[in-house]
């Protein structure tokens, strides 16, 4: 089993994970992660919500800087006021 530093997470562990608001409301799930080819930084996160079994899902593209990992929630959180 490969061990990674605490600051690192595999994209396969993020895709399909729910994103929570600051009030811990479920906003949807991560469908895709878009990386900047030159810097390697997360540029965008594609979020889906509202459908059933992939039918009628709505997709939103969020800037990567608005998504954070919450250690207390053990999941992703949207950082907005």
Protein backbone atom coordinates (compact mmCIF):
# COMPACT_ATOMS: atom_id res chain seq x y z
CA UNK A 1 0.00 0.00 0.00
CA UNK A 2 1.34 3.42 -0.98
CA UNK A 3 1.38 6.04 1.76
CA UNK A 4 1.04 9.71 0.84
CA UNK A 5 1.90 12.82 2.85
CA UNK A 6 -1.03 14.31 4.78
CA UNK A 7 -1.20 17.27 2.37
CA UNK A 8 -1.84 15.03 -0.66
CA UNK A 9 -5.05 13.36 -1.82
CA UNK A 10 -5.66 11.29 -4.96
CA UNK A 11 -8.12 12.70 -7.49
CA UNK A 12 -9.88 9.33 -7.53
CA UNK A 13 -10.67 9.90 -3.84
CA UNK A 14 -12.19 13.32 -4.64
CA UNK A 15 -14.30 12.47 -7.71
CA UNK A 16 -17.74 11.40 -6.54
CA UNK A 17 -17.30 13.04 -3.15
CA UNK A 18 -19.94 15.50 -1.95
CA UNK A 19 -19.15 19.18 -1.47
CA UNK A 20 -20.62 20.84 1.60
CA UNK A 21 -21.51 24.47 2.25
CA UNK A 22 -20.17 26.24 5.34
CA UNK A 23 -23.51 25.28 6.96
CA UNK A 24 -22.75 21.62 6.10
CA UNK A 25 -25.48 21.45 3.43
CA UNK A 26 -24.86 19.00 0.59
CA UNK A 27 -24.28 21.06 -2.57
CA UNK A 28 -23.63 18.20 -4.98
CA UNK A 29 -20.78 15.92 -5.96
CA UNK A 30 -17.49 16.33 -7.76
CA UNK A 31 -17.71 15.08 -11.34
CA UNK A 32 -14.35 16.26 -12.65
CA UNK A 33 -11.20 18.12 -11.65
CA UNK A 34 -9.55 20.41 -14.20
CA UNK A 35 -5.81 21.07 -13.77
CA UNK A 36 -3.71 23.87 -15.17
CA UNK A 37 -1.23 22.11 -17.49
CA UNK A 38 1.57 24.56 -16.74
CA UNK A 39 1.32 24.93 -12.95
CA UNK A 40 -0.37 21.68 -11.95
CA UNK A 41 -2.81 23.64 -9.77
CA UNK A 42 -6.51 22.82 -9.64
CA UNK A 43 -8.11 25.36 -11.97
CA UNK A 44 -11.75 24.25 -11.80
CA UNK A 45 -13.93 21.68 -10.10
CA UNK A 46 -17.04 20.45 -11.94
CA UNK A 47 -19.96 19.96 -9.56
CA UNK A 48 -23.20 18.11 -10.38
CA UNK A 49 -26.49 18.19 -8.51
CA UNK A 50 -30.23 17.92 -8.88
CA UNK A 51 -30.57 14.78 -10.95
CA UNK A 52 -31.38 11.16 -10.29
CA UNK A 53 -28.92 8.45 -11.36
CA UNK A 54 -27.19 10.90 -13.68
CA UNK A 55 -30.41 11.96 -15.45
CA UNK A 56 -31.25 15.70 -15.45
CA UNK A 57 -28.12 16.59 -13.47
CA UNK A 58 -27.11 20.23 -13.56
CA UNK A 59 -23.41 20.98 -13.82
CA UNK A 60 -21.54 23.95 -12.42
CA UNK A 61 -17.88 24.83 -12.83
CA UNK A 62 -16.33 26.31 -9.70
CA UNK A 63 -12.89 27.90 -9.41
CA UNK A 64 -10.54 25.49 -7.65
CA UNK A 65 -9.58 28.16 -5.10
CA UNK A 66 -13.17 28.07 -3.73
CA UNK A 67 -12.88 24.39 -2.74
CA UNK A 68 -11.07 23.34 0.41
CA UNK A 69 -10.58 20.10 2.29
CA UNK A 70 -12.10 20.21 5.77
CA UNK A 71 -10.22 18.01 8.22
CA UNK A 72 -13.07 18.18 10.75
CA UNK A 73 -15.72 17.19 8.19
CA UNK A 74 -13.32 14.77 6.44
CA UNK A 75 -14.55 16.12 3.11
CA UNK A 76 -14.64 19.00 0.67
CA UNK A 77 -16.11 22.37 1.50
CA UNK A 78 -17.12 25.37 -0.62
CA UNK A 79 -15.47 28.54 0.68
CA UNK A 80 -17.86 31.46 0.14
CA UNK A 81 -19.48 34.05 2.36
